[in-house]
Amino acid sequence: MHRALMLLPLFALAACKQPPDFDQRYDKAASDIEARARAMDKDLSEADKAAAAAAPGNGSQTKGLPAASTASNAPPSSGE
C-alpha cells in the first residue's frame, strides 16, 4: 500500500501532459485538410475519366439525351 502511495504522484504527473499548442494543432488540421483535398481530387479525376469514356462518340453503347420536343399547347379558348 505504501508503494502505491509513492507511485500515485508519478501517475498524476504523467496524466498532466501539456495539450498541443496552436501551431501544432494548425499544422495537423492543415495536413488533414490537404489529405482530404487530394483524395477528393483523385475521386473527381477518376469520375471525369469514367464520364469521358462513357460519352457518346467514344464507341460506347450508351445513348445521349433525346432531342427536345416541342410543347403541345391546348387550343385557344373561345373566351366564354
C-alpha atoms as a PDB file:
ATOM      1  CA  MET A   1       0.000   0.000   0.000  1.00  0.00           C
ATOM      2  CA  HIS A   2       2.841   2.336   0.857  1.00  0.00           C
ATOM      3  CA  ARG A   3       4.394   1.637  -2.539  1.00  0.00           C
ATOM      4  CA  ALA A   4       1.132   2.509  -4.307  1.00  0.00           C
ATOM      5  CA  LEU A   5       1.012   5.850  -2.492  1.00  0.00           C
ATOM      6  CA  MET A   6       4.550   6.604  -3.673  1.00  0.00           C
ATOM      7  CA  LEU A   7       3.608   5.852  -7.288  1.00  0.00           C
ATOM      8  CA  LEU A   8       0.458   7.971  -7.194  1.00  0.00           C
ATOM      9  CA  PRO A   9       2.283  11.308  -7.792  1.00  0.00           C
ATOM     10  CA  LEU A  10       4.120   9.768 -10.756  1.00  0.00           C
ATOM     11  CA  PHE A  11       0.841   8.686 -12.326  1.00  0.00           C
ATOM     12  CA  ALA A  12      -0.663  12.118 -11.700  1.00  0.00           C
ATOM     13  CA  LEU A  13       2.353  13.784 -13.295  1.00  0.00           C
ATOM     14  CA  ALA A  14       2.129  11.507 -16.330  1.00  0.00           C
ATOM     15  CA  ALA A  15      -1.575  12.349 -16.728  1.00  0.00           C
ATOM     16  CA  CYS A  16      -0.836  16.100 -16.797  1.00  0.00           C
ATOM     17  CA  LYS A  17       0.557  16.149 -20.302  1.00  0.00           C
ATOM     18  CA  GLN A  18       0.645  19.537 -21.994  1.00  0.00           C
ATOM     19  CA  PRO A  19      -2.000  19.918 -24.704  1.00  0.00           C
ATOM     20  CA  PRO A  20      -0.703  20.753 -28.185  1.00  0.00           C
ATOM     21  CA  ASP A  21      -0.240  24.452 -28.820  1.00  0.00           C
ATOM     22  CA  PHE A  22      -1.941  26.383 -31.614  1.00  0.00           C
ATOM     23  CA  ASP A  23       0.807  25.844 -34.175  1.00  0.00           C
ATOM     24  CA  GLN A  24       0.787  22.072 -33.663  1.00  0.00           C
ATOM     25  CA  ARG A  25      -2.999  21.904 -33.936  1.00  0.00           C
ATOM     26  CA  TYR A  26      -2.938  24.153 -37.030  1.00  0.00           C
ATOM     27  CA  ASP A  27      -0.293  22.028 -38.748  1.00  0.00           C
ATOM     28  CA  LYS A  28      -2.235  18.844 -38.022  1.00  0.00           C
ATOM     29  CA  ALA A  29      -5.507  20.339 -39.283  1.00  0.00           C
ATOM     30  CA  ALA A  30      -3.794  21.698 -42.407  1.00  0.00           C
ATOM     31  CA  SER A  31      -2.271  18.322 -43.234  1.00  0.00           C
ATOM     32  CA  ASP A  32      -5.631  16.603 -42.681  1.00  0.00           C
ATOM     33  CA  ILE A  33      -7.366  19.095 -44.982  1.00  0.00           C
ATOM     34  CA  GLU A  34      -4.696  18.684 -47.655  1.00  0.00           C
ATOM     35  CA  ALA A  35      -5.045  14.901 -47.499  1.00  0.00           C
ATOM     36  CA  ARG A  36      -8.826  15.164 -47.895  1.00  0.00           C
ATOM     37  CA  ALA A  37      -8.436  17.573 -50.804  1.00  0.00           C
ATOM     38  CA  ARG A  38      -6.033  15.202 -52.577  1.00  0.00           C
ATOM     39  CA  ALA A  39      -8.480  12.327 -52.063  1.00  0.00           C
ATOM     40  CA  MET A  40     -11.364  14.409 -53.451  1.00  0.00           C
ATOM     41  CA  ASP A  41      -9.269  15.483 -56.456  1.00  0.00           C
ATOM     42  CA  LYS A  42      -8.414  11.858 -57.133  1.00  0.00           C
ATOM     43  CA  ASP A  43     -12.083  10.827 -56.933  1.00  0.00           C
ATOM     44  CA  LEU A  44     -13.119  13.660 -59.244  1.00  0.00           C
ATOM     45  CA  SER A  45     -10.461  12.855 -61.822  1.00  0.00           C
ATOM     46  CA  GLU A  46     -11.491   9.193 -61.810  1.00  0.00           C
ATOM     47  CA  ALA A  47     -15.141  10.212 -62.254  1.00  0.00           C
ATOM     48  CA  ASP A  48     -14.190  12.556 -65.106  1.00  0.00           C
ATOM     49  CA  LYS A  49     -12.272   9.768 -66.829  1.00  0.00           C
ATOM     50  CA  ALA A  50     -15.222   7.398 -66.440  1.00  0.00           C
ATOM     51  CA  ALA A  51     -17.648  10.017 -67.769  1.00  0.00           C
ATOM     52  CA  ALA A  52     -15.403  10.759 -70.744  1.00  0.00           C
ATOM     53  CA  ALA A  53     -15.147   7.065 -71.529  1.00  0.00           C
ATOM     54  CA  ALA A  54     -18.939   6.703 -71.425  1.00  0.00           C
ATOM     55  CA  ALA A  55     -19.618   9.825 -73.517  1.00  0.00           C
ATOM     56  CA  PRO A  56     -21.276   9.369 -76.908  1.00  0.00           C
ATOM     57  CA  GLY A  57     -18.845   9.229 -79.784  1.00  0.00           C
ATOM     58  CA  ASN A  58     -16.262   7.271 -77.857  1.00  0.00           C
ATOM     59  CA  GLY A  59     -17.516   3.956 -79.156  1.00  0.00           C
ATOM     60  CA  SER A  60     -19.680   3.271 -76.145  1.00  0.00           C
ATOM     61  CA  GLN A  61     -23.112   1.747 -76.406  1.00  0.00           C
ATOM     62  CA  THR A  62     -24.859   4.400 -74.316  1.00  0.00           C
ATOM     63  CA  LYS A  63     -27.114   6.965 -75.944  1.00  0.00           C
ATOM     64  CA  GLY A  64     -27.209  10.668 -75.271  1.00  0.00           C
ATOM     65  CA  LEU A  65     -30.286  12.586 -74.241  1.00  0.00           C
ATOM     66  CA  PRO A  66     -33.199  12.586 -76.688  1.00  0.00           C
ATOM     67  CA  ALA A  67     -33.829  15.682 -78.770  1.00  0.00           C
ATOM     68  CA  ALA A  68     -36.072  18.270 -77.182  1.00  0.00           C
ATOM     69  CA  SER A  69     -39.659  18.019 -78.327  1.00  0.00           C
ATOM     70  CA  THR A  70     -41.934  20.940 -78.977  1.00  0.00           C
ATOM     71  CA  ALA A  71     -44.508  21.567 -76.300  1.00  0.00           C
ATOM     72  CA  SER A  72     -48.077  20.781 -77.199  1.00  0.00           C
ATOM     73  CA  ASN A  73     -50.380  23.685 -76.450  1.00  0.00           C
ATOM     74  CA  ALA A  74     -54.089  23.419 -75.809  1.00  0.00           C
ATOM     75  CA  PRO A  75     -56.351  25.055 -78.411  1.00  0.00           C
ATOM     76  CA  PRO A  76     -57.241  28.641 -77.580  1.00  0.00           C
ATOM     77  CA  SER A  77     -60.480  29.081 -75.736  1.00  0.00           C
ATOM     78  CA  SER A  78     -63.486  30.899 -77.124  1.00  0.00           C
ATOM     79  CA  GLY A  79     -63.463  33.314 -74.202  1.00  0.00           C
ATOM     80  CA  GLU A  80     -66.608  32.005 -72.574  1.00  0.00           C
END
